[in-house]
Structures are given as C-alpha cells and as structure tokens.
Protein backbone atom coordinates (compact mmCIF):
# COMPACT_ATOMS: atom_id res chain seq x y z
CA UNK A 1 -8.75 -8.38 -18.64
CA UNK A 2 -7.83 -10.78 -15.83
CA UNK A 3 -7.06 -7.92 -13.44
CA UNK A 4 -10.43 -6.32 -14.17
CA UNK A 5 -12.15 -9.61 -13.29
CA UNK A 6 -10.32 -9.64 -9.93
CA UNK A 7 -10.79 -5.92 -9.22
CA UNK A 8 -13.26 -4.01 -11.37
CA UNK A 9 -11.83 -0.72 -10.12
CA UNK A 10 -8.18 -1.50 -10.95
CA UNK A 11 -8.37 1.08 -13.75
CA UNK A 12 -11.10 3.47 -12.58
CA UNK A 13 -12.51 6.38 -14.61
CA UNK A 14 -11.63 8.78 -11.75
CA UNK A 15 -8.14 9.99 -10.80
CA UNK A 16 -5.80 7.51 -9.13
CA UNK A 17 -5.25 10.12 -6.43
CA UNK A 18 -8.87 9.59 -5.38
CA UNK A 19 -8.29 5.83 -5.38
CA UNK A 20 -5.22 6.21 -3.12
CA UNK A 21 -7.15 8.48 -0.73
CA UNK A 22 -10.02 5.96 -0.67
CA UNK A 23 -7.62 3.15 0.22
CA UNK A 24 -6.14 5.24 3.02
CA UNK A 25 -9.60 6.09 4.38
CA UNK A 26 -10.62 2.45 4.17
CA UNK A 27 -7.53 1.16 5.96
CA UNK A 28 -6.96 4.06 8.41
CA UNK A 29 -10.39 5.67 8.88
CA UNK A 30 -9.61 7.27 12.24
CA UNK A 31 -6.75 9.47 11.09
CA UNK A 32 -7.27 13.23 10.69
CA UNK A 33 -6.36 12.98 7.00
CA UNK A 34 -8.99 10.30 6.37
CA UNK A 35 -11.60 12.19 8.38
CA UNK A 36 -11.09 15.34 6.30
CA UNK A 37 -11.21 13.37 3.05
CA UNK A 38 -14.39 11.55 4.09
CA UNK A 39 -16.05 14.88 4.94
CA UNK A 40 -15.21 16.23 1.48
CA UNK A 41 -16.60 13.08 -0.18
CA UNK A 42 -19.88 13.40 1.73
CA UNK A 43 -20.21 17.04 0.67
CA UNK A 44 -19.41 16.21 -2.96
CA UNK A 45 -21.60 13.08 -3.05
CA UNK A 46 -23.88 14.19 -5.95
CA UNK A 47 -20.80 14.93 -8.07
CA UNK A 48 -19.15 11.55 -7.49
CA UNK A 49 -19.15 8.79 -10.07
CA UNK A 50 -21.64 6.02 -9.18
CA UNK A 51 -18.68 3.66 -8.77
CA UNK A 52 -17.12 6.01 -6.23
CA UNK A 53 -20.42 6.18 -4.36
CA UNK A 54 -20.57 2.39 -4.38
CA UNK A 55 -17.05 2.04 -2.99
CA UNK A 56 -17.79 4.57 -0.26
CA UNK A 57 -21.07 2.88 0.62
CA UNK A 58 -19.26 -0.42 1.13
CA UNK A 59 -17.20 1.19 3.91
CA UNK A 60 -20.25 2.89 5.45
CA UNK A 61 -20.01 6.34 3.91
CA UNK A 62 -22.92 8.02 2.15
CA UNK A 63 -23.95 11.49 1.19
CA UNK A 64 -26.42 11.75 4.04
CA UNK A 65 -24.04 10.62 6.83
CA UNK A 66 -22.86 13.17 9.30
CA UNK A 67 -19.68 13.01 11.35
C-alpha cells in the first residue's frame, strides 16, 4: 500500500519486462536498444495500456511521433 502511494506503477498490469525496457529507454534514450524499443512502442500505441501510454507521454513519446 505504501509503495503504491510512492509509485503507482510499482506493480503494473503489464509485464515487468516492459517496465525494465521503459526504464532503460527513459534513462538511456540514445542507445540503439532504446531507439528500437521506442519505435516498437510507437507502432503498438493503440494496443498499449493507458498507463503505458501515460508513462511514455511523460518522456515525450506518443503514437504519432516519428523518429
């Protein structure tokens, strides 16, 4: 309960693998790995959970952005 109040996405409804990739893209956005992952997220935007879309939007990524 306390952790959720500090970080609402500490136990997300999507796979933790996505969460790890998001963290990597957020902290190292200029790496080839992050660039590929961001491209995939933009292409899959309509299929993403609204919370995933929100997290991506915070770091400047949306479904209509182009690289």
